[in-house]
Amino acid sequence: MTRALALLPLALLLSGYGERAQAPAQGAWADWVEPDFPFFSSVLDVRKAGPGWPARNLTPRALVLRVGPDHWAAFDLDLLRVAAIWQGNGVTPVALAPGSYHRPDRKTPGGQTSLPEPAGVLRSGRW
């Protein structure tokens, strides 16, 4: 184990990790996905994409890559495939991470009723 990992429990204790989260001041933090960051991880639901796309296109662990100023690609880490490519604003912010980023007390409902989807225009399902 590296020295940094060995000191992690002490650093978490001293930083107050585990205390009740306080909501940051309005405008104190950036958006959940920072404009210059190249990727993030998310569930991605592309089941409603329509003809030319798989009917069961649901990716529980997608690596969402920014491939251009407003172009995105989602890579399915479980099936080792490209799940979707689209132009737009990333994914819809309905998952726990983006929803609770500014409001730590906000939780998501159970089940698969509301999952993140591509927020934009999907590109052809045939590559």
C-alpha atoms as a PDB file:
ATOM      1  CA  MET A   1       0.000   0.000   0.000  1.00  0.00           C
ATOM      2  CA  THR A   2       1.380   3.383  -0.865  1.00  0.00           C
ATOM      3  CA  ARG A   3       2.044   5.990   1.763  1.00  0.00           C
ATOM      4  CA  ALA A   4      -0.761   8.223   0.438  1.00  0.00           C
ATOM      5  CA  LEU A   5      -3.318   5.415   0.784  1.00  0.00           C
ATOM      6  CA  ALA A   6      -2.100   4.655   4.281  1.00  0.00           C
ATOM      7  CA  LEU A   7      -2.726   8.277   5.303  1.00  0.00           C
ATOM      8  CA  LEU A   8      -6.181   8.459   3.671  1.00  0.00           C
ATOM      9  CA  PRO A   9      -8.207   7.454   6.787  1.00  0.00           C
ATOM     10  CA  LEU A  10      -6.414  10.122   8.847  1.00  0.00           C
ATOM     11  CA  ALA A  11      -6.986  12.770   6.159  1.00  0.00           C
ATOM     12  CA  LEU A  12     -10.701  11.915   5.986  1.00  0.00           C
ATOM     13  CA  LEU A  13     -11.022  12.112   9.763  1.00  0.00           C
ATOM     14  CA  LEU A  14      -9.291  15.485   9.950  1.00  0.00           C
ATOM     15  CA  SER A  15     -11.277  16.912   7.022  1.00  0.00           C
ATOM     16  CA  GLY A  16     -14.598  16.240   8.740  1.00  0.00           C
ATOM     17  CA  TYR A  17     -15.679  13.615   6.188  1.00  0.00           C
ATOM     18  CA  GLY A  18     -18.850  11.952   7.332  1.00  0.00           C
ATOM     19  CA  GLU A  19     -20.294  15.021   9.027  1.00  0.00           C
ATOM     20  CA  ARG A  20     -23.690  16.174   7.799  1.00  0.00           C
ATOM     21  CA  ALA A  21     -23.187  17.752   4.392  1.00  0.00           C
ATOM     22  CA  GLN A  22     -23.907  21.444   4.127  1.00  0.00           C
ATOM     23  CA  ALA A  23     -25.315  22.883   0.916  1.00  0.00           C
ATOM     24  CA  PRO A  24     -22.811  25.268  -0.688  1.00  0.00           C
ATOM     25  CA  ALA A  25     -23.636  28.923  -1.116  1.00  0.00           C
ATOM     26  CA  GLN A  26     -25.581  29.639  -4.306  1.00  0.00           C
ATOM     27  CA  GLY A  27     -23.110  29.935  -7.177  1.00  0.00           C
ATOM     28  CA  ALA A  28     -20.187  28.713  -5.054  1.00  0.00           C
ATOM     29  CA  TRP A  29     -19.602  25.603  -7.140  1.00  0.00           C
ATOM     30  CA  ALA A  30     -19.373  24.937 -10.859  1.00  0.00           C
ATOM     31  CA  ASP A  31     -21.817  22.729 -12.740  1.00  0.00           C
ATOM     32  CA  TRP A  32     -21.675  19.006 -12.043  1.00  0.00           C
ATOM     33  CA  VAL A  33     -19.736  18.397 -15.267  1.00  0.00           C
ATOM     34  CA  GLU A  34     -17.135  21.106 -15.624  1.00  0.00           C
ATOM     35  CA  PRO A  35     -16.834  22.509 -19.160  1.00  0.00           C
ATOM     36  CA  ASP A  36     -13.181  21.532 -19.645  1.00  0.00           C
ATOM     37  CA  PHE A  37     -13.350  18.040 -18.092  1.00  0.00           C
ATOM     38  CA  PRO A  38     -13.115  15.294 -20.764  1.00  0.00           C
ATOM     39  CA  PHE A  39     -15.361  12.565 -19.259  1.00  0.00           C
ATOM     40  CA  PHE A  40     -17.668  11.416 -16.460  1.00  0.00           C
ATOM     41  CA  SER A  41     -19.453   8.208 -15.499  1.00  0.00           C
ATOM     42  CA  SER A  42     -23.219   7.743 -15.562  1.00  0.00           C
ATOM     43  CA  VAL A  43     -26.090   5.365 -16.158  1.00  0.00           C
ATOM     44  CA  LEU A  44     -27.328   5.994 -19.705  1.00  0.00           C
ATOM     45  CA  ASP A  45     -30.786   5.065 -20.998  1.00  0.00           C
ATOM     46  CA  VAL A  46     -31.049   5.068 -24.800  1.00  0.00           C
ATOM     47  CA  ARG A  47     -33.996   2.643 -25.010  1.00  0.00           C
ATOM     48  CA  LYS A  48     -36.259   5.267 -26.634  1.00  0.00           C
ATOM     49  CA  ALA A  49     -33.854   6.041 -29.502  1.00  0.00           C
ATOM     50  CA  GLY A  50     -36.068   4.456 -32.141  1.00  0.00           C
ATOM     51  CA  PRO A  51     -35.395   2.541 -35.379  1.00  0.00           C
ATOM     52  CA  GLY A  52     -31.798   1.639 -36.109  1.00  0.00           C
ATOM     53  CA  TRP A  53     -30.953   1.459 -32.395  1.00  0.00           C
ATOM     54  CA  PRO A  54     -31.057  -1.551 -30.048  1.00  0.00           C
ATOM     55  CA  ALA A  55     -34.401  -1.751 -28.191  1.00  0.00           C
ATOM     56  CA  ARG A  56     -32.685  -2.561 -24.880  1.00  0.00           C
ATOM     57  CA  ASN A  57     -29.962   0.076 -25.045  1.00  0.00           C
ATOM     58  CA  LEU A  58     -29.504   0.625 -21.299  1.00  0.00           C
ATOM     59  CA  THR A  59     -25.969   1.080 -19.981  1.00  0.00           C
ATOM     60  CA  PRO A  60     -25.620   0.819 -16.192  1.00  0.00           C
ATOM     61  CA  ARG A  61     -21.968   1.973 -16.250  1.00  0.00           C
ATOM     62  CA  ALA A  62     -21.244   4.321 -19.132  1.00  0.00           C
ATOM     63  CA  LEU A  63     -18.079   6.308 -19.539  1.00  0.00           C
ATOM     64  CA  VAL A  64     -19.412   9.491 -21.160  1.00  0.00           C
ATOM     65  CA  LEU A  65     -16.679  11.173 -23.190  1.00  0.00           C
ATOM     66  CA  ARG A  66     -16.675  14.736 -24.480  1.00  0.00           C
ATOM     67  CA  VAL A  67     -15.441  14.261 -28.059  1.00  0.00           C
ATOM     68  CA  GLY A  68     -16.030  17.837 -29.231  1.00  0.00           C
ATOM     69  CA  PRO A  69     -17.378  21.170 -27.950  1.00  0.00           C
ATOM     70  CA  ASP A  70     -20.948  19.797 -27.836  1.00  0.00           C
ATOM     71  CA  HIS A  71     -20.434  16.202 -28.983  1.00  0.00           C
ATOM     72  CA  TRP A  72     -20.547  13.177 -26.691  1.00  0.00           C
ATOM     73  CA  ALA A  73     -19.942   9.432 -26.892  1.00  0.00           C
ATOM     74  CA  ALA A  74     -20.957   6.877 -24.272  1.00  0.00           C
ATOM     75  CA  PHE A  75     -18.845   3.753 -23.899  1.00  0.00           C
ATOM     76  CA  ASP A  76     -20.464   0.761 -22.174  1.00  0.00           C
ATOM     77  CA  LEU A  77     -17.857  -0.555 -19.720  1.00  0.00           C
ATOM     78  CA  ASP A  78     -19.652  -3.884 -19.242  1.00  0.00           C
ATOM     79  CA  LEU A  79     -20.277  -4.828 -22.878  1.00  0.00           C
ATOM     80  CA  LEU A  80     -17.227  -2.994 -24.297  1.00  0.00           C
ATOM     81  CA  ARG A  81     -19.237  -1.115 -26.930  1.00  0.00           C
ATOM     82  CA  VAL A  82     -20.209   2.387 -27.960  1.00  0.00           C
ATOM     83  CA  ALA A  83     -23.738   2.812 -26.583  1.00  0.00           C
ATOM     84  CA  ALA A  84     -24.520   6.195 -28.163  1.00  0.00           C
ATOM     85  CA  ILE A  85     -23.059   9.257 -29.867  1.00  0.00           C
ATOM     86  CA  TRP A  86     -24.912  12.574 -29.740  1.00  0.00           C
ATOM     87  CA  GLN A  87     -24.664  16.319 -30.099  1.00  0.00           C
ATOM     88  CA  GLY A  88     -25.988  18.401 -27.234  1.00  0.00           C
ATOM     89  CA  ASN A  89     -25.462  19.022 -23.535  1.00  0.00           C
ATOM     90  CA  GLY A  90     -24.285  15.744 -22.044  1.00  0.00           C
ATOM     91  CA  VAL A  91     -26.966  13.770 -20.185  1.00  0.00           C
ATOM     92  CA  THR A  92     -30.199  14.715 -18.480  1.00  0.00           C
ATOM     93  CA  PRO A  93     -29.495  15.455 -14.767  1.00  0.00           C
ATOM     94  CA  VAL A  94     -31.811  12.899 -13.161  1.00  0.00           C
ATOM     95  CA  ALA A  95     -29.243  10.602 -11.504  1.00  0.00           C
ATOM     96  CA  LEU A  96     -28.084  10.895  -7.905  1.00  0.00           C
ATOM     97  CA  ALA A  97     -24.697  12.494  -8.614  1.00  0.00           C
ATOM     98  CA  PRO A  98     -25.836  15.512 -10.674  1.00  0.00           C
ATOM     99  CA  GLY A  99     -29.065  15.893  -8.686  1.00  0.00           C
ATOM    100  CA  SER A 100     -27.392  15.955  -5.285  1.00  0.00           C
ATOM    101  CA  TYR A 101     -24.271  17.888  -6.298  1.00  0.00           C
ATOM    102  CA  HIS A 102     -25.711  21.228  -5.182  1.00  0.00           C
ATOM    103  CA  ARG A 103     -28.308  19.698  -2.827  1.00  0.00           C
ATOM    104  CA  PRO A 104     -26.681  16.896  -0.782  1.00  0.00           C
ATOM    105  CA  ASP A 105     -30.034  15.909   0.763  1.00  0.00           C
ATOM    106  CA  ARG A 106     -31.670  15.199  -2.636  1.00  0.00           C
ATOM    107  CA  LYS A 107     -32.040  11.511  -3.462  1.00  0.00           C
ATOM    108  CA  THR A 108     -33.331   9.722  -6.557  1.00  0.00           C
ATOM    109  CA  PRO A 109     -36.464   7.567  -6.681  1.00  0.00           C
ATOM    110  CA  GLY A 110     -36.010   3.820  -6.878  1.00  0.00           C
ATOM    111  CA  GLY A 111     -36.379   1.726 -10.007  1.00  0.00           C
ATOM    112  CA  GLN A 112     -35.831   2.567 -13.647  1.00  0.00           C
ATOM    113  CA  THR A 113     -38.554   5.174 -14.081  1.00  0.00           C
ATOM    114  CA  SER A 114     -36.242   8.139 -14.523  1.00  0.00           C
ATOM    115  CA  LEU A 115     -32.701   7.526 -15.762  1.00  0.00           C
ATOM    116  CA  PRO A 116     -30.187   9.849 -17.458  1.00  0.00           C
ATOM    117  CA  GLU A 117     -30.613  10.034 -21.225  1.00  0.00           C
ATOM    118  CA  PRO A 118     -28.540  11.774 -23.893  1.00  0.00           C
ATOM    119  CA  ALA A 119     -29.434  15.483 -23.783  1.00  0.00           C
ATOM    120  CA  GLY A 120     -29.284  16.192 -27.485  1.00  0.00           C
ATOM    121  CA  VAL A 121     -29.636  14.745 -30.958  1.00  0.00           C
ATOM    122  CA  LEU A 122     -28.482  11.154 -31.374  1.00  0.00           C
ATOM    123  CA  ARG A 123     -26.241  10.323 -34.301  1.00  0.00           C
ATOM    124  CA  SER A 124     -26.887   7.287 -36.491  1.00  0.00           C
ATOM    125  CA  GLY A 125     -27.047   3.944 -34.717  1.00  0.00           C
ATOM    126  CA  ARG A 126     -24.893   2.428 -37.448  1.00  0.00           C
ATOM    127  CA  TRP A 127     -21.167   3.143 -37.327  1.00  0.00           C
END
